[in-house]
Amino acid sequence: VTREHREMLVKLAKQNTNKAKDSLRKVRTNAMNKLKKSKDKASEDTIRLIEKQVLLPTDVVLMYLTQKIA
């Protein structure tokens, strides 16, 4: 594999990783917006618990993707 080809592969990997991160952020944002809309239907403790259950895995995956591409 030539140097140019490797550089192109790295560039494509970074682009795909950024797309994946953007998609994950959109999913997280949509989930958080739906959660905020349902605040009158559930207790604050339940809302906070669900927020943590949404935020923690997405943050872990985002960190993993950032580390792998760096």
PDB file of N, CA and C in Angstrom:
ATOM      1  N   VAL A   1       0.854  -1.172   0.000  1.00  0.00           N
ATOM      2  CA  VAL A   1       0.000   0.000   0.000  1.00  0.00           C
ATOM      3  C   VAL A   1       0.900   1.236   0.000  1.00  0.00           C
ATOM      4  N   THR A   2       0.617   2.112  -0.912  1.00  0.00           N
ATOM      5  CA  THR A   2       1.447   3.309  -1.031  1.00  0.00           C
ATOM      6  C   THR A   2       1.101   4.308   0.063  1.00  0.00           C
ATOM      7  N   ARG A   3       1.969   5.245   0.231  1.00  0.00           N
ATOM      8  CA  ARG A   3       1.775   6.278   1.250  1.00  0.00           C
ATOM      9  C   ARG A   3       0.507   7.082   0.964  1.00  0.00           C
ATOM     10  N   GLU A   4       0.304   7.433  -0.291  1.00  0.00           N
ATOM     11  CA  GLU A   4      -0.878   8.209  -0.670  1.00  0.00           C
ATOM     12  C   GLU A   4      -2.160   7.436  -0.373  1.00  0.00           C
ATOM     13  N   HIS A   5      -2.111   6.142  -0.647  1.00  0.00           N
ATOM     14  CA  HIS A   5      -3.293   5.309  -0.393  1.00  0.00           C
ATOM     15  C   HIS A   5      -3.590   5.224   1.107  1.00  0.00           C
ATOM     16  N   ARG A   6      -2.535   5.064   1.907  1.00  0.00           N
ATOM     17  CA  ARG A   6      -2.713   5.032   3.371  1.00  0.00           C
ATOM     18  C   ARG A   6      -3.299   6.348   3.866  1.00  0.00           C
ATOM     19  N   GLU A   7      -2.792   7.455   3.356  1.00  0.00           N
ATOM     20  CA  GLU A   7      -3.299   8.768   3.766  1.00  0.00           C
ATOM     21  C   GLU A   7      -4.763   8.934   3.378  1.00  0.00           C
ATOM     22  N   MET A   8      -5.131   8.424   2.216  1.00  0.00           N
ATOM     23  CA  MET A   8      -6.523   8.487   1.781  1.00  0.00           C
ATOM     24  C   MET A   8      -7.408   7.626   2.690  1.00  0.00           C
ATOM     25  N   LEU A   9      -6.904   6.453   3.074  1.00  0.00           N
ATOM     26  CA  LEU A   9      -7.666   5.580   3.973  1.00  0.00           C
ATOM     27  C   LEU A   9      -7.862   6.226   5.345  1.00  0.00           C
ATOM     28  N   VAL A  10      -6.827   6.892   5.829  1.00  0.00           N
ATOM     29  CA  VAL A  10      -6.929   7.593   7.119  1.00  0.00           C
ATOM     30  C   VAL A  10      -7.959   8.709   7.023  1.00  0.00           C
ATOM     31  N   LYS A  11      -7.919   9.440   5.931  1.00  0.00           N
ATOM     32  CA  LYS A  11      -8.867  10.536   5.733  1.00  0.00           C
ATOM     33  C   LYS A  11     -10.301  10.007   5.693  1.00  0.00           C
ATOM     34  N   LEU A  12     -10.520   8.905   4.975  1.00  0.00           N
ATOM     35  CA  LEU A  12     -11.853   8.304   4.909  1.00  0.00           C
ATOM     36  C   LEU A  12     -12.304   7.792   6.275  1.00  0.00           C
ATOM     37  N   ALA A  13     -11.385   7.206   7.021  1.00  0.00           N
ATOM     38  CA  ALA A  13     -11.724   6.713   8.358  1.00  0.00           C
ATOM     39  C   ALA A  13     -12.145   7.863   9.267  1.00  0.00           C
ATOM     40  N   LYS A  14     -11.436   8.967   9.181  1.00  0.00           N
ATOM     41  CA  LYS A  14     -11.792  10.131   9.995  1.00  0.00           C
ATOM     42  C   LYS A  14     -13.151  10.688   9.596  1.00  0.00           C
ATOM     43  N   GLN A  15     -13.421  10.745   8.289  1.00  0.00           N
ATOM     44  CA  GLN A  15     -14.714  11.242   7.823  1.00  0.00           C
ATOM     45  C   GLN A  15     -15.846  10.344   8.308  1.00  0.00           C
ATOM     46  N   ASN A  16     -15.662   9.031   8.187  1.00  0.00           N
ATOM     47  CA  ASN A  16     -16.699   8.095   8.625  1.00  0.00           C
ATOM     48  C   ASN A  16     -16.901   8.150  10.137  1.00  0.00           C
ATOM     49  N   THR A  17     -15.811   8.317  10.870  1.00  0.00           N
ATOM     50  CA  THR A  17     -15.917   8.433  12.323  1.00  0.00           C
ATOM     51  C   THR A  17     -16.676   9.700  12.700  1.00  0.00           C
ATOM     52  N   ASN A  18     -16.388  10.796  12.030  1.00  0.00           N
ATOM     53  CA  ASN A  18     -17.094  12.045  12.322  1.00  0.00           C
ATOM     54  C   ASN A  18     -18.575  11.937  11.986  1.00  0.00           C
ATOM     55  N   LYS A  19     -18.905  11.249  10.899  1.00  0.00           N
ATOM     56  CA  LYS A  19     -20.311  11.031  10.556  1.00  0.00           C
ATOM     57  C   LYS A  19     -21.000  10.189  11.620  1.00  0.00           C
ATOM     58  N   ALA A  20     -20.310   9.155  12.095  1.00  0.00           N
ATOM     59  CA  ALA A  20     -20.879   8.301  13.137  1.00  0.00           C
ATOM     60  C   ALA A  20     -21.095   9.097  14.424  1.00  0.00           C
ATOM     61  N   LYS A  21     -20.138   9.936  14.774  1.00  0.00           N
ATOM     62  CA  LYS A  21     -20.269  10.750  15.978  1.00  0.00           C
ATOM     63  C   LYS A  21     -21.432  11.736  15.851  1.00  0.00           C
ATOM     64  N   ASP A  22     -21.573  12.344  14.674  1.00  0.00           N
ATOM     65  CA  ASP A  22     -22.683  13.271  14.448  1.00  0.00           C
ATOM     66  C   ASP A  22     -24.028  12.553  14.555  1.00  0.00           C
ATOM     67  N   SER A  23     -24.107  11.367  13.971  1.00  0.00           N
ATOM     68  CA  SER A  23     -25.343  10.594  14.035  1.00  0.00           C
ATOM     69  C   SER A  23     -25.683  10.229  15.473  1.00  0.00           C
ATOM     70  N   LEU A  24     -24.688   9.827  16.224  1.00  0.00           N
ATOM     71  CA  LEU A  24     -24.902   9.471  17.630  1.00  0.00           C
ATOM     72  C   LEU A  24     -25.357  10.680  18.432  1.00  0.00           C
ATOM     73  N   ARG A  25     -24.769  11.832  18.148  1.00  0.00           N
ATOM     74  CA  ARG A  25     -25.184  13.054  18.846  1.00  0.00           C
ATOM     75  C   ARG A  25     -26.634  13.408  18.518  1.00  0.00           C
ATOM     76  N   LYS A  26     -27.044  13.197  17.274  1.00  0.00           N
ATOM     77  CA  LYS A  26     -28.432  13.470  16.886  1.00  0.00           C
ATOM     78  C   LYS A  26     -29.394  12.545  17.615  1.00  0.00           C
ATOM     79  N   VAL A  27     -29.034  11.282  17.718  1.00  0.00           N
ATOM     80  CA  VAL A  27     -29.869  10.319  18.439  1.00  0.00           C
ATOM     81  C   VAL A  27     -29.978  10.725  19.904  1.00  0.00           C
ATOM     82  N   ARG A  28     -28.845  11.097  20.500  1.00  0.00           N
ATOM     83  CA  ARG A  28     -28.844  11.517  21.897  1.00  0.00           C
ATOM     84  C   ARG A  28     -29.700  12.766  22.096  1.00  0.00           C
ATOM     85  N   THR A  29     -29.566  13.730  21.187  1.00  0.00           N
ATOM     86  CA  THR A  29     -30.349  14.960  21.274  1.00  0.00           C
ATOM     87  C   THR A  29     -31.840  14.677  21.151  1.00  0.00           C
ATOM     88  N   ASN A  30     -32.205  13.817  20.206  1.00  0.00           N
ATOM     89  CA  ASN A  30     -33.615  13.462  20.046  1.00  0.00           C
ATOM     90  C   ASN A  30     -34.159  12.772  21.289  1.00  0.00           C
ATOM     91  N   ALA A  31     -33.379  11.883  21.857  1.00  0.00           N
ATOM     92  CA  ALA A  31     -33.814  11.188  23.070  1.00  0.00           C
ATOM     93  C   ALA A  31     -33.986  12.169  24.223  1.00  0.00           C
ATOM     94  N   MET A  32     -33.055  13.094  24.362  1.00  0.00           N
ATOM     95  CA  MET A  32     -33.149  14.069  25.449  1.00  0.00           C
ATOM     96  C   MET A  32     -34.338  15.007  25.237  1.00  0.00           C
ATOM     97  N   ASN A  33     -34.615  15.390  23.997  1.00  0.00           N
ATOM     98  CA  ASN A  33     -35.772  16.246  23.721  1.00  0.00           C
ATOM     99  C   ASN A  33     -37.082  15.531  24.046  1.00  0.00           C
ATOM    100  N   LYS A  34     -37.173  14.264  23.680  1.00  0.00           N
ATOM    101  CA  LYS A  34     -38.374  13.491  24.003  1.00  0.00           C
ATOM    102  C   LYS A  34     -38.540  13.360  25.510  1.00  0.00           C
ATOM    103  N   LEU A  35     -37.416  13.208  26.192  1.00  0.00           N
ATOM    104  CA  LEU A  35     -37.455  13.096  27.645  1.00  0.00           C
ATOM    105  C   LEU A  35     -37.941  14.394  28.278  1.00  0.00           C
ATOM    106  N   LYS A  36     -37.471  15.520  27.763  1.00  0.00           N
ATOM    107  CA  LYS A  36     -37.895  16.814  28.299  1.00  0.00           C
ATOM    108  C   LYS A  36     -39.379  17.047  28.070  1.00  0.00           C
ATOM    109  N   LYS A  37     -39.892  16.560  26.949  1.00  0.00           N
ATOM    110  CA  LYS A  37     -41.319  16.722  26.660  1.00  0.00           C
ATOM    111  C   LYS A  37     -42.187  15.873  27.583  1.00  0.00           C
ATOM    112  N   SER A  38     -41.637  14.802  28.103  1.00  0.00           N
ATOM    113  CA  SER A  38     -42.427  13.908  28.948  1.00  0.00           C
ATOM    114  C   SER A  38     -42.216  14.163  30.438  1.00  0.00           C
ATOM    115  N   LYS A  39     -41.666  15.313  30.785  1.00  0.00           N
ATOM    116  CA  LYS A  39     -41.399  15.608  32.193  1.00  0.00           C
ATOM    117  C   LYS A  39     -42.665  15.639  33.047  1.00  0.00           C
ATOM    118  N   ASP A  40     -43.785  16.000  32.450  1.00  0.00           N
ATOM    119  CA  ASP A  40     -45.023  16.054  33.226  1.00  0.00           C
ATOM    120  C   ASP A  40     -45.626  14.666  33.438  1.00  0.00           C
ATOM    121  N   LYS A  41     -45.110  13.664  32.737  1.00  0.00           N
ATOM    122  CA  LYS A  41     -45.652  12.312  32.841  1.00  0.00           C
ATOM    123  C   LYS A  41     -44.873  11.417  33.796  1.00  0.00           C
ATOM    124  N   ALA A  42     -43.677  11.844  34.203  1.00  0.00           N
ATOM    125  CA  ALA A  42     -42.842  11.018  35.072  1.00  0.00           C
ATOM    126  C   ALA A  42     -42.207  11.886  36.150  1.00  0.00           C
ATOM    127  N   SER A  43     -41.750  11.231  37.199  1.00  0.00           N
ATOM    128  CA  SER A  43     -41.120  11.960  38.293  1.00  0.00           C
ATOM    129  C   SER A  43     -39.734  12.450  37.874  1.00  0.00           C
ATOM    130  N   GLU A  44     -39.230  13.443  38.606  1.00  0.00           N
ATOM    131  CA  GLU A  44     -37.913  13.998  38.289  1.00  0.00           C
ATOM    132  C   GLU A  44     -36.813  12.957  38.462  1.00  0.00           C
ATOM    133  N   ASP A  45     -36.959  12.101  39.470  1.00  0.00           N
ATOM    134  CA  ASP A  45     -35.956  11.059  39.683  1.00  0.00           C
ATOM    135  C   ASP A  45     -35.899  10.091  38.507  1.00  0.00           C
ATOM    136  N   THR A  46     -37.054   9.742  38.001  1.00  0.00           N
ATOM    137  CA  THR A  46     -37.107   8.838  36.851  1.00  0.00           C
ATOM    138  C   THR A  46     -36.490   9.502  35.633  1.00  0.00           C
ATOM    139  N   ILE A  47     -36.786  10.774  35.436  1.00  0.00           N
ATOM    140  CA  ILE A  47     -36.229  11.510  34.304  1.00  0.00           C
ATOM    141  C   ILE A  47     -34.707  11.552  34.396  1.00  0.00           C
ATOM    142  N   ARG A  48     -34.178  11.861  35.570  1.00  0.00           N
ATOM    143  CA  ARG A  48     -32.721  11.924  35.762  1.00  0.00           C
ATOM    144  C   ARG A  48     -32.073  10.563  35.514  1.00  0.00           C
ATOM    145  N   LEU A  49     -32.719   9.502  35.978  1.00  0.00           N
ATOM    146  CA  LEU A  49     -32.191   8.161  35.773  1.00  0.00           C
ATOM    147  C   LEU A  49     -32.126   7.828  34.279  1.00  0.00           C
ATOM    148  N   ILE A  50     -33.177   8.148  33.561  1.00  0.00           N
ATOM    149  CA  ILE A  50     -33.201   7.877  32.126  1.00  0.00           C
ATOM    150  C   ILE A  50     -32.176   8.744  31.407  1.00  0.00           C
ATOM    151  N   GLU A  51     -32.014   9.995  31.840  1.00  0.00           N
ATOM    152  CA  GLU A  51     -30.998  10.862  31.238  1.00  0.00           C
ATOM    153  C   GLU A  51     -29.611  10.241  31.384  1.00  0.00           C
ATOM    154  N   LYS A  52     -29.312   9.730  32.560  1.00  0.00           N
ATOM    155  CA  LYS A  52     -28.017   9.088  32.784  1.00  0.00           C
ATOM    156  C   LYS A  52     -27.865   7.854  31.899  1.00  0.00           C
ATOM    157  N   GLN A  53     -28.966   7.104  31.759  1.00  0.00           N
ATOM    158  CA  GLN A  53     -28.923   5.893  30.936  1.00  0.00           C
ATOM    159  C   GLN A  53     -28.734   6.226  29.458  1.00  0.00           C
ATOM    160  N   VAL A  54     -29.128   7.414  29.055  1.00  0.00           N
ATOM    161  CA  VAL A  54     -28.931   7.841  27.667  1.00  0.00           C
ATOM    162  C   VAL A  54     -27.533   8.446  27.504  1.00  0.00           C
ATOM    163  N   LEU A  55     -27.132   9.300  28.418  1.00  0.00           N
ATOM    164  CA  LEU A  55     -25.883  10.044  28.272  1.00  0.00           C
ATOM    165  C   LEU A  55     -24.635   9.184  28.456  1.00  0.00           C
ATOM    166  N   LEU A  56     -24.641   8.312  29.432  1.00  0.00           N
ATOM    167  CA  LEU A  56     -23.436   7.542  29.732  1.00  0.00           C
ATOM    168  C   LEU A  56     -22.975   6.681  28.553  1.00  0.00           C
ATOM    169  N   PRO A  57     -23.840   5.839  27.985  1.00  0.00           N
ATOM    170  CA  PRO A  57     -23.359   5.019  26.852  1.00  0.00           C
ATOM    171  C   PRO A  57     -22.940   5.852  25.640  1.00  0.00           C
ATOM    172  N   THR A  58     -23.660   6.914  25.360  1.00  0.00           N
ATOM    173  CA  THR A  58     -23.292   7.726  24.200  1.00  0.00           C
ATOM    174  C   THR A  58     -21.950   8.419  24.431  1.00  0.00           C
ATOM    175  N   ASP A  59     -21.721   8.903  25.649  1.00  0.00           N
ATOM    176  CA  ASP A  59     -20.438   9.540  25.948  1.00  0.00           C
ATOM    177  C   ASP A  59     -19.287   8.536  25.840  1.00  0.00           C
ATOM    178  N   VAL A  60     -19.524   7.311  26.310  1.00  0.00           N
ATOM    179  CA  VAL A  60     -18.490   6.276  26.240  1.00  0.00           C
ATOM    180  C   VAL A  60     -18.152   5.963  24.782  1.00  0.00           C
ATOM    181  N   VAL A  61     -19.161   5.821  23.958  1.00  0.00           N
ATOM    182  CA  VAL A  61     -18.932   5.513  22.540  1.00  0.00           C
ATOM    183  C   VAL A  61     -18.231   6.679  21.854  1.00  0.00           C
ATOM    184  N   LEU A  62     -18.639   7.899  22.151  1.00  0.00           N
ATOM    185  CA  LEU A  62     -17.980   9.063  21.546  1.00  0.00           C
ATOM    186  C   LEU A  62     -16.505   9.133  21.941  1.00  0.00           C
ATOM    187  N   MET A  63     -16.208   8.850  23.206  1.00  0.00           N
ATOM    188  CA  MET A  63     -14.813   8.842  23.650  1.00  0.00           C
ATOM    189  C   MET A  63     -14.035   7.740  22.934  1.00  0.00           C
ATOM    190  N   TYR A  64     -14.637   6.566  22.809  1.00  0.00           N
ATOM    191  CA  TYR A  64     -13.986   5.440  22.135  1.00  0.00           C
ATOM    192  C   TYR A  64     -13.663   5.801  20.683  1.00  0.00           C
ATOM    193  N   LEU A  65     -14.627   6.375  19.988  1.00  0.00           N
ATOM    194  CA  LEU A  65     -14.394   6.743  18.594  1.00  0.00           C
ATOM    195  C   LEU A  65     -13.306   7.803  18.470  1.00  0.00           C
ATOM    196  N   THR A  66     -13.304   8.746  19.384  1.00  0.00           N
ATOM    197  CA  THR A  66     -12.290   9.805  19.359  1.00  0.00           C
ATOM    198  C   THR A  66     -10.900   9.224  19.595  1.00  0.00           C
ATOM    199  N   GLN A  67     -10.804   8.301  20.534  1.00  0.00           N
ATOM    200  CA  GLN A  67      -9.504   7.690  20.825  1.00  0.00           C
ATOM    201  C   GLN A  67      -9.006   6.841  19.669  1.00  0.00           C
ATOM    202  N   LYS A  68      -9.883   6.115  19.030  1.00  0.00           N
ATOM    203  CA  LYS A  68      -9.474   5.218  17.955  1.00  0.00           C
ATOM    204  C   LYS A  68      -8.998   5.967  16.715  1.00  0.00           C
ATOM    205  N   ILE A  69      -9.557   7.111  16.479  1.00  0.00           N
ATOM    206  CA  ILE A  69      -9.203   7.852  15.265  1.00  0.00           C
ATOM    207  C   ILE A  69      -8.016   8.782  15.493  1.00  0.00           C
ATOM    208  N   ALA A  70      -7.713   9.077  16.747  1.00  0.00           N
ATOM    209  CA  ALA A  70      -6.600  10.009  17.045  1.00  0.00           C
ATOM    210  C   ALA A  70      -5.253   9.392  16.801  1.00  0.00           C
TER     211      ALA A  70
END
